[in-house]
C-alpha cells in the first residue's frame, strides 16, 4: 500500500494562475497536476555540484594528469615544424 505524504507549497499568484489554467485545460485539479509535474521532473533533475566539490574534482584531475611544461610543448612543436620545412 502506498503511503502518501502531504506537502504545502506557497506559490506566487502568477504561478498559481498558470497551474490552475493548465489544470483546467487537461480537466484535473491543480493539486493533481502539481503532483504529476513533480513526478515527471524529479527523475530527470540534474544534480549540481557545490563549488567545493567542483574544486575538489579539479584538484584530483590536476594530480592525476601528467606534468607538462608549456615551454617543452612549444619547443617540440617548433622542432617538428622545422623538420617539415614549414618554419
PDB file of N, CA and C in Angstrom:
ATOM      1  N   UNK A   1       0.825  -1.173   0.000  1.00  0.00           N
ATOM      2  CA  UNK A   1       0.000   0.000   0.000  1.00  0.00           C
ATOM      3  C   UNK A   1       0.879   1.250   0.000  1.00  0.00           C
ATOM      4  N   UNK A   2       0.606   2.197  -0.896  1.00  0.00           N
ATOM      5  CA  UNK A   2       1.362   3.440  -0.958  1.00  0.00           C
ATOM      6  C   UNK A   2       0.984   4.363   0.184  1.00  0.00           C
ATOM      7  N   UNK A   3       2.006   4.932   0.790  1.00  0.00           N
ATOM      8  CA  UNK A   3       1.761   5.887   1.857  1.00  0.00           C
ATOM      9  C   UNK A   3       2.108   7.268   1.314  1.00  0.00           C
ATOM     10  N   UNK A   4       1.114   8.123   1.224  1.00  0.00           N
ATOM     11  CA  UNK A   4       1.309   9.452   0.672  1.00  0.00           C
ATOM     12  C   UNK A   4       1.703  10.428   1.762  1.00  0.00           C
ATOM     13  N   UNK A   5       2.503  11.405   1.388  1.00  0.00           N
ATOM     14  CA  UNK A   5       2.921  12.477   2.280  1.00  0.00           C
ATOM     15  C   UNK A   5       2.270  13.765   1.808  1.00  0.00           C
ATOM     16  N   UNK A   6       2.078  14.678   2.720  1.00  0.00           N
ATOM     17  CA  UNK A   6       1.471  15.963   2.390  1.00  0.00           C
ATOM     18  C   UNK A   6       2.559  17.017   2.302  1.00  0.00           C
ATOM     19  N   UNK A   7       2.459  17.849   1.285  1.00  0.00           N
ATOM     20  CA  UNK A   7       3.405  18.935   1.068  1.00  0.00           C
ATOM     21  C   UNK A   7       2.608  20.210   0.836  1.00  0.00           C
ATOM     22  N   UNK A   8       2.931  21.239   1.571  1.00  0.00           N
ATOM     23  CA  UNK A   8       2.263  22.520   1.393  1.00  0.00           C
ATOM     24  C   UNK A   8       3.197  23.438   0.628  1.00  0.00           C
ATOM     25  N   UNK A   9       2.720  23.986  -0.483  1.00  0.00           N
ATOM     26  CA  UNK A   9       3.512  24.895  -1.314  1.00  0.00           C
ATOM     27  C   UNK A   9       2.938  26.295  -1.249  1.00  0.00           C
ATOM     28  N   UNK A  10       3.816  27.262  -1.246  1.00  0.00           N
ATOM     29  CA  UNK A  10       3.390  28.646  -1.374  1.00  0.00           C
ATOM     30  C   UNK A  10       3.791  29.103  -2.766  1.00  0.00           C
ATOM     31  N   UNK A  11       2.801  29.379  -3.590  1.00  0.00           N
ATOM     32  CA  UNK A  11       3.046  29.791  -4.968  1.00  0.00           C
ATOM     33  C   UNK A  11       2.737  31.270  -5.133  1.00  0.00           C
ATOM     34  N   UNK A  12       3.472  31.888  -6.029  1.00  0.00           N
ATOM     35  CA  UNK A  12       3.165  33.277  -6.364  1.00  0.00           C
ATOM     36  C   UNK A  12       1.810  33.293  -7.074  1.00  0.00           C
ATOM     37  N   UNK A  13       1.136  34.427  -7.074  1.00  0.00           N
ATOM     38  CA  UNK A  13      -0.148  34.494  -7.782  1.00  0.00           C
ATOM     39  C   UNK A  13      -0.008  34.113  -9.266  1.00  0.00           C
ATOM     40  N   UNK A  14       1.116  34.476  -9.874  1.00  0.00           N
ATOM     41  CA  UNK A  14       1.341  34.140 -11.289  1.00  0.00           C
ATOM     42  C   UNK A  14       1.475  32.634 -11.483  1.00  0.00           C
ATOM     43  N   UNK A  15       2.257  31.996 -10.613  1.00  0.00           N
ATOM     44  CA  UNK A  15       2.439  30.549 -10.734  1.00  0.00           C
ATOM     45  C   UNK A  15       1.138  29.802 -10.444  1.00  0.00           C
ATOM     46  N   UNK A  16       0.381  30.276  -9.460  1.00  0.00           N
ATOM     47  CA  UNK A  16      -0.905  29.637  -9.159  1.00  0.00           C
ATOM     48  C   UNK A  16      -1.851  29.762 -10.346  1.00  0.00           C
ATOM     49  N   UNK A  17      -1.907  30.948 -10.946  1.00  0.00           N
ATOM     50  CA  UNK A  17      -2.790  31.153 -12.099  1.00  0.00           C
ATOM     51  C   UNK A  17      -2.384  30.245 -13.253  1.00  0.00           C
ATOM     52  N   UNK A  18      -1.086  30.104 -13.462  1.00  0.00           N
ATOM     53  CA  UNK A  18      -0.589  29.245 -14.537  1.00  0.00           C
ATOM     54  C   UNK A  18      -0.921  27.784 -14.259  1.00  0.00           C
ATOM     55  N   UNK A  19      -0.703  27.343 -13.029  1.00  0.00           N
ATOM     56  CA  UNK A  19      -1.016  25.965 -12.648  1.00  0.00           C
ATOM     57  C   UNK A  19      -2.507  25.696 -12.785  1.00  0.00           C
ATOM     58  N   UNK A  20      -3.309  26.633 -12.320  1.00  0.00           N
ATOM     59  CA  UNK A  20      -4.753  26.473 -12.381  1.00  0.00           C
ATOM     60  C   UNK A  20      -5.254  26.440 -13.827  1.00  0.00           C
ATOM     61  N   UNK A  21      -4.715  27.314 -14.662  1.00  0.00           N
ATOM     62  CA  UNK A  21      -5.138  27.356 -16.068  1.00  0.00           C
ATOM     63  C   UNK A  21      -4.777  26.058 -16.786  1.00  0.00           C
ATOM     64  N   UNK A  22      -3.558  25.569 -16.547  1.00  0.00           N
ATOM     65  CA  UNK A  22      -3.139  24.317 -17.188  1.00  0.00           C
ATOM     66  C   UNK A  22      -3.975  23.149 -16.688  1.00  0.00           C
ATOM     67  N   UNK A  23      -4.281  23.127 -15.408  1.00  0.00           N
ATOM     68  CA  UNK A  23      -5.105  22.050 -14.847  1.00  0.00           C
ATOM     69  C   UNK A  23      -6.496  22.043 -15.468  1.00  0.00           C
ATOM     70  N   UNK A  24      -7.057  23.239 -15.662  1.00  0.00           N
ATOM     71  CA  UNK A  24      -8.383  23.328 -16.298  1.00  0.00           C
ATOM     72  C   UNK A  24      -8.336  22.809 -17.729  1.00  0.00           C
ATOM     73  N   UNK A  25      -7.218  23.098 -18.434  1.00  0.00           N
ATOM     74  CA  UNK A  25      -7.079  22.643 -19.831  1.00  0.00           C
ATOM     75  C   UNK A  25      -7.123  21.123 -19.932  1.00  0.00           C
ATOM     76  N   UNK A  26      -6.538  20.454 -18.964  1.00  0.00           N
ATOM     77  CA  UNK A  26      -6.479  18.984 -19.014  1.00  0.00           C
ATOM     78  C   UNK A  26      -7.516  18.341 -18.100  1.00  0.00           C
ATOM     79  N   UNK A  27      -8.375  19.170 -17.527  1.00  0.00           N
ATOM     80  CA  UNK A  27      -9.525  18.711 -16.744  1.00  0.00           C
ATOM     81  C   UNK A  27      -9.134  17.908 -15.499  1.00  0.00           C
ATOM     82  N   UNK A  28      -8.134  18.415 -14.766  1.00  0.00           N
ATOM     83  CA  UNK A  28      -7.763  17.820 -13.475  1.00  0.00           C
ATOM     84  C   UNK A  28      -7.581  18.949 -12.462  1.00  0.00           C
ATOM     85  N   UNK A  29      -7.456  18.589 -11.214  1.00  0.00           N
ATOM     86  CA  UNK A  29      -7.277  19.610 -10.182  1.00  0.00           C
ATOM     87  C   UNK A  29      -5.835  20.122 -10.196  1.00  0.00           C
ATOM     88  N   UNK A  30      -5.615  21.341  -9.747  1.00  0.00           N
ATOM     89  CA  UNK A  30      -4.245  21.866  -9.674  1.00  0.00           C
ATOM     90  C   UNK A  30      -3.334  20.999  -8.796  1.00  0.00           C
ATOM     91  N   UNK A  31      -3.885  20.414  -7.739  1.00  0.00           N
ATOM     92  CA  UNK A  31      -3.084  19.561  -6.857  1.00  0.00           C
ATOM     93  C   UNK A  31      -2.584  18.316  -7.586  1.00  0.00           C
ATOM     94  N   UNK A  32      -3.459  17.710  -8.378  1.00  0.00           N
ATOM     95  CA  UNK A  32      -3.056  16.516  -9.138  1.00  0.00           C
ATOM     96  C   UNK A  32      -2.023  16.890 -10.200  1.00  0.00           C
ATOM     97  N   UNK A  33      -2.232  18.030 -10.857  1.00  0.00           N
ATOM     98  CA  UNK A  33      -1.269  18.472 -11.866  1.00  0.00           C
ATOM     99  C   UNK A  33       0.087  18.755 -11.222  1.00  0.00           C
ATOM    100  N   UNK A  34       0.092  19.414 -10.067  1.00  0.00           N
ATOM    101  CA  UNK A  34       1.362  19.679  -9.375  1.00  0.00           C
ATOM    102  C   UNK A  34       2.071  18.365  -9.051  1.00  0.00           C
ATOM    103  N   UNK A  35       1.336  17.369  -8.584  1.00  0.00           N
ATOM    104  CA  UNK A  35       1.927  16.063  -8.289  1.00  0.00           C
ATOM    105  C   UNK A  35       2.496  15.414  -9.550  1.00  0.00           C
ATOM    106  N   UNK A  36       1.765  15.515 -10.657  1.00  0.00           N
ATOM    107  CA  UNK A  36       2.248  14.953 -11.926  1.00  0.00           C
ATOM    108  C   UNK A  36       3.507  15.665 -12.403  1.00  0.00           C
ATOM    109  N   UNK A  37       3.527  16.986 -12.274  1.00  0.00           N
ATOM    110  CA  UNK A  37       4.708  17.743 -12.688  1.00  0.00           C
ATOM    111  C   UNK A  37       5.932  17.345 -11.870  1.00  0.00           C
ATOM    112  N   UNK A  38       5.741  17.204 -10.564  1.00  0.00           N
ATOM    113  CA  UNK A  38       6.848  16.782  -9.709  1.00  0.00           C
ATOM    114  C   UNK A  38       7.304  15.367 -10.086  1.00  0.00           C
ATOM    115  N   UNK A  39       6.363  14.473 -10.302  1.00  0.00           N
ATOM    116  CA  UNK A  39       6.702  13.085 -10.662  1.00  0.00           C
ATOM    117  C   UNK A  39       7.453  13.005 -11.982  1.00  0.00           C
ATOM    118  N   UNK A  40       7.108  13.865 -12.933  1.00  0.00           N
ATOM    119  CA  UNK A  40       7.777  13.860 -14.236  1.00  0.00           C
ATOM    120  C   UNK A  40       9.149  14.518 -14.165  1.00  0.00           C
ATOM    121  N   UNK A  41       9.267  15.563 -13.358  1.00  0.00           N
ATOM    122  CA  UNK A  41      10.512  16.327 -13.317  1.00  0.00           C
ATOM    123  C   UNK A  41      11.607  15.644 -12.503  1.00  0.00           C
ATOM    124  N   UNK A  42      11.275  15.123 -11.343  1.00  0.00           N
ATOM    125  CA  UNK A  42      12.297  14.610 -10.425  1.00  0.00           C
ATOM    126  C   UNK A  42      13.211  13.539 -11.009  1.00  0.00           C
ATOM    127  N   UNK A  43      12.704  12.568 -11.760  1.00  0.00           N
ATOM    128  CA  UNK A  43      13.633  11.561 -12.301  1.00  0.00           C
ATOM    129  C   UNK A  43      14.667  12.143 -13.262  1.00  0.00           C
ATOM    130  N   UNK A  44      14.383  13.304 -13.840  1.00  0.00           N
ATOM    131  CA  UNK A  44      15.290  13.910 -14.819  1.00  0.00           C
ATOM    132  C   UNK A  44      16.054  15.101 -14.256  1.00  0.00           C
ATOM    133  N   UNK A  45      15.855  15.390 -12.986  1.00  0.00           N
ATOM    134  CA  UNK A  45      16.508  16.546 -12.378  1.00  0.00           C
ATOM    135  C   UNK A  45      18.013  16.327 -12.331  1.00  0.00           C
ATOM    136  N   UNK A  46      18.750  17.361 -12.660  1.00  0.00           N
ATOM    137  CA  UNK A  46      20.204  17.288 -12.635  1.00  0.00           C
ATOM    138  C   UNK A  46      20.696  17.561 -11.225  1.00  0.00           C
ATOM    139  N   UNK A  47      21.730  16.854 -10.859  1.00  0.00           N
ATOM    140  CA  UNK A  47      22.356  17.082  -9.573  1.00  0.00           C
ATOM    141  C   UNK A  47      23.571  17.958  -9.825  1.00  0.00           C
ATOM    142  N   UNK A  48      23.560  19.112  -9.214  1.00  0.00           N
ATOM    143  CA  UNK A  48      24.661  20.047  -9.408  1.00  0.00           C
ATOM    144  C   UNK A  48      25.665  19.922  -8.279  1.00  0.00           C
ATOM    145  N   UNK A  49      26.927  20.122  -8.625  1.00  0.00           N
ATOM    146  CA  UNK A  49      27.983  20.076  -7.627  1.00  0.00           C
ATOM    147  C   UNK A  49      28.046  21.399  -6.877  1.00  0.00           C
ATOM    148  N   UNK A  50      28.456  21.314  -5.653  1.00  0.00           N
ATOM    149  CA  UNK A  50      28.743  22.535  -4.922  1.00  0.00           C
ATOM    150  C   UNK A  50      30.081  23.067  -5.432  1.00  0.00           C
ATOM    151  N   UNK A  51      30.359  24.342  -5.265  1.00  0.00           N
ATOM    152  CA  UNK A  51      31.667  24.865  -5.692  1.00  0.00           C
ATOM    153  C   UNK A  51      32.824  24.114  -5.030  1.00  0.00           C
ATOM    154  N   UNK A  52      32.647  23.740  -3.791  1.00  0.00           N
ATOM    155  CA  UNK A  52      33.705  22.999  -3.086  1.00  0.00           C
ATOM    156  C   UNK A  52      33.964  21.654  -3.758  1.00  0.00           C
ATOM    157  N   UNK A  53      32.896  20.937  -4.115  1.00  0.00           N
ATOM    158  CA  UNK A  53      33.046  19.642  -4.788  1.00  0.00           C
ATOM    159  C   UNK A  53      33.705  19.807  -6.157  1.00  0.00           C
ATOM    160  N   UNK A  54      33.345  20.877  -6.870  1.00  0.00           N
ATOM    161  CA  UNK A  54      33.946  21.126  -8.185  1.00  0.00           C
ATOM    162  C   UNK A  54      35.448  21.371  -8.057  1.00  0.00           C
ATOM    163  N   UNK A  55      35.846  22.170  -7.084  1.00  0.00           N
ATOM    164  CA  UNK A  55      37.277  22.429  -6.879  1.00  0.00           C
ATOM    165  C   UNK A  55      38.017  21.170  -6.460  1.00  0.00           C
ATOM    166  N   UNK A  56      37.375  20.356  -5.632  1.00  0.00           N
ATOM    167  CA  UNK A  56      37.985  19.084  -5.228  1.00  0.00           C
ATOM    168  C   UNK A  56      38.219  18.192  -6.450  1.00  0.00           C
ATOM    169  N   UNK A  57      37.217  18.152  -7.347  1.00  0.00           N
ATOM    170  CA  UNK A  57      37.348  17.359  -8.565  1.00  0.00           C
ATOM    171  C   UNK A  57      38.457  17.864  -9.462  1.00  0.00           C
ATOM    172  N   UNK A  58      38.569  19.182  -9.582  1.00  0.00           N
ATOM    173  CA  UNK A  58      39.637  19.762 -10.403  1.00  0.00           C
ATOM    174  C   UNK A  58      41.010  19.443  -9.829  1.00  0.00           C
ATOM    175  N   UNK A  59      41.129  19.466  -8.517  1.00  0.00           N
ATOM    176  CA  UNK A  59      42.398  19.116  -7.875  1.00  0.00           C
ATOM    177  C   UNK A  59      42.775  17.670  -8.177  1.00  0.00           C
ATOM    178  N   UNK A  60      41.789  16.775  -8.151  1.00  0.00           N
ATOM    179  CA  UNK A  60      42.049  15.367  -8.442  1.00  0.00           C
ATOM    180  C   UNK A  60      42.494  15.184  -9.893  1.00  0.00           C
ATOM    181  N   UNK A  61      41.862  15.911 -10.809  1.00  0.00           N
ATOM    182  CA  UNK A  61      42.256  15.829 -12.220  1.00  0.00           C
ATOM    183  C   UNK A  61      43.685  16.313 -12.386  1.00  0.00           C
ATOM    184  N   UNK A  62      43.989  17.432 -11.744  1.00  0.00           N
ATOM    185  CA  UNK A  62      45.335  18.004 -11.857  1.00  0.00           C
ATOM    186  C   UNK A  62      46.379  17.043 -11.301  1.00  0.00           C
ATOM    187  N   UNK A  63      46.085  16.414 -10.171  1.00  0.00           N
ATOM    188  CA  UNK A  63      47.036  15.492  -9.558  1.00  0.00           C
ATOM    189  C   UNK A  63      47.237  14.234 -10.398  1.00  0.00           C
ATOM    190  N   UNK A  64      46.193  13.803 -11.074  1.00  0.00           N
ATOM    191  CA  UNK A  64      46.299  12.560 -11.850  1.00  0.00           C
ATOM    192  C   UNK A  64      46.860  12.795 -13.248  1.00  0.00           C
ATOM    193  N   UNK A  65      46.880  14.037 -13.702  1.00  0.00           N
ATOM    194  CA  UNK A  65      47.399  14.298 -15.050  1.00  0.00           C
ATOM    195  C   UNK A  65      48.910  14.460 -14.999  1.00  0.00           C
ATOM    196  N   UNK A  66      49.546  14.166 -16.131  1.00  0.00           N
ATOM    197  CA  UNK A  66      50.995  14.276 -16.185  1.00  0.00           C
ATOM    198  C   UNK A  66      51.394  15.754 -16.171  1.00  0.00           C
ATOM    199  N   UNK A  67      52.536  16.006 -15.622  1.00  0.00           N
ATOM    200  CA  UNK A  67      53.046  17.374 -15.582  1.00  0.00           C
ATOM    201  C   UNK A  67      53.645  17.697 -16.939  1.00  0.00           C
ATOM    202  N   UNK A  68      53.062  18.638 -17.633  1.00  0.00           N
ATOM    203  CA  UNK A  68      53.526  19.023 -18.956  1.00  0.00           C
ATOM    204  C   UNK A  68      53.972  20.473 -18.908  1.00  0.00           C
ATOM    205  N   UNK A  69      55.155  20.706 -19.401  1.00  0.00           N
ATOM    206  CA  UNK A  69      55.702  22.060 -19.422  1.00  0.00           C
ATOM    207  C   UNK A  69      55.337  22.713 -20.748  1.00  0.00           C
ATOM    208  N   UNK A  70      54.740  23.882 -20.702  1.00  0.00           N
ATOM    209  CA  UNK A  70      54.321  24.576 -21.918  1.00  0.00           C
ATOM    210  C   UNK A  70      55.519  24.897 -22.805  1.00  0.00           C
ATOM    211  N   UNK A  71      56.657  25.228 -22.205  1.00  0.00           N
ATOM    212  CA  UNK A  71      57.863  25.538 -22.977  1.00  0.00           C
ATOM    213  C   UNK A  71      58.310  24.303 -23.755  1.00  0.00           C
ATOM    214  N   UNK A  72      58.255  23.130 -23.143  1.00  0.00           N
ATOM    215  CA  UNK A  72      58.628  21.894 -23.830  1.00  0.00           C
ATOM    216  C   UNK A  72      57.701  21.626 -25.015  1.00  0.00           C
ATOM    217  N   UNK A  73      56.406  21.891 -24.845  1.00  0.00           N
ATOM    218  CA  UNK A  73      55.445  21.683 -25.936  1.00  0.00           C
ATOM    219  C   UNK A  73      55.768  22.608 -27.104  1.00  0.00           C
ATOM    220  N   UNK A  74      56.043  23.865 -26.814  1.00  0.00           N
ATOM    221  CA  UNK A  74      56.371  24.833 -27.880  1.00  0.00           C
ATOM    222  C   UNK A  74      57.670  24.449 -28.563  1.00  0.00           C
ATOM    223  N   UNK A  75      58.675  24.051 -27.773  1.00  0.00           N
ATOM    224  CA  UNK A  75      59.968  23.647 -28.338  1.00  0.00           C
ATOM    225  C   UNK A  75      59.793  22.442 -29.263  1.00  0.00           C
ATOM    226  N   UNK A  76      59.003  21.450 -28.825  1.00  0.00           N
ATOM    227  CA  UNK A  76      58.756  20.249 -29.625  1.00  0.00           C
ATOM    228  C   UNK A  76      58.012  20.613 -30.910  1.00  0.00           C
ATOM    229  N   UNK A  77      57.012  21.470 -30.791  1.00  0.00           N
ATOM    230  CA  UNK A  77      56.227  21.867 -31.970  1.00  0.00           C
ATOM    231  C   UNK A  77      57.088  22.608 -32.970  1.00  0.00           C
ATOM    232  N   UNK A  78      57.939  23.505 -32.478  1.00  0.00           N
ATOM    233  CA  UNK A  78      58.819  24.263 -33.375  1.00  0.00           C
ATOM    234  C   UNK A  78      59.797  23.327 -34.087  1.00  0.00           C
ATOM    235  N   UNK A  79      60.331  22.385 -33.345  1.00  0.00           N
ATOM    236  CA  UNK A  79      61.270  21.412 -33.933  1.00  0.00           C
ATOM    237  C   UNK A  79      60.573  20.598 -35.020  1.00  0.00           C
ATOM    238  N   UNK A  80      59.342  20.181 -34.746  1.00  0.00           N
ATOM    239  CA  UNK A  80      58.585  19.398 -35.722  1.00  0.00           C
ATOM    240  C   UNK A  80      58.311  20.215 -36.981  1.00  0.00           C
ATOM    241  N   UNK A  81      57.960  21.474 -36.812  1.00  0.00           N
ATOM    242  CA  UNK A  81      57.723  22.349 -37.977  1.00  0.00           C
ATOM    243  C   UNK A  81      59.004  22.560 -38.779  1.00  0.00           C
ATOM    244  N   UNK A  82      60.140  22.723 -38.096  1.00  0.00           N
ATOM    245  CA  UNK A  82      61.422  22.900 -38.798  1.00  0.00           C
ATOM    246  C   UNK A  82      61.797  21.657 -39.587  1.00  0.00           C
ATOM    247  N   UNK A  83      61.535  20.483 -39.000  1.00  0.00           N
ATOM    248  CA  UNK A  83      61.838  19.229 -39.700  1.00  0.00           C
ATOM    249  C   UNK A  83      60.990  19.070 -40.940  1.00  0.00           C
ATOM    250  N   UNK A  84      59.778  19.576 -40.913  1.00  0.00           N
ATOM    251  CA  UNK A  84      58.877  19.501 -42.090  1.00  0.00           C
ATOM    252  C   UNK A  84      59.192  20.608 -43.099  1.00  0.00           C
ATOM    253  N   UNK A  85      60.051  21.532 -42.689  1.00  0.00           N
ATOM    254  CA  UNK A  85      60.397  22.634 -43.586  1.00  0.00           C
ATOM    255  C   UNK A  85      59.323  23.703 -43.638  1.00  0.00           C
ATOM    256  N   UNK A  86      58.464  23.739 -42.658  1.00  0.00           N
ATOM    257  CA  UNK A  86      57.396  24.715 -42.639  1.00  0.00           C
ATOM    258  C   UNK A  86      57.830  25.985 -41.940  1.00  0.00           C
ATOM    259  N   UNK A  87      58.777  25.888 -41.034  1.00  0.00           N
ATOM    260  CA  UNK A  87      59.166  27.054 -40.256  1.00  0.00           C
ATOM    261  C   UNK A  87      60.574  27.437 -40.561  1.00  0.00           C
TER     262      UNK A  87
END
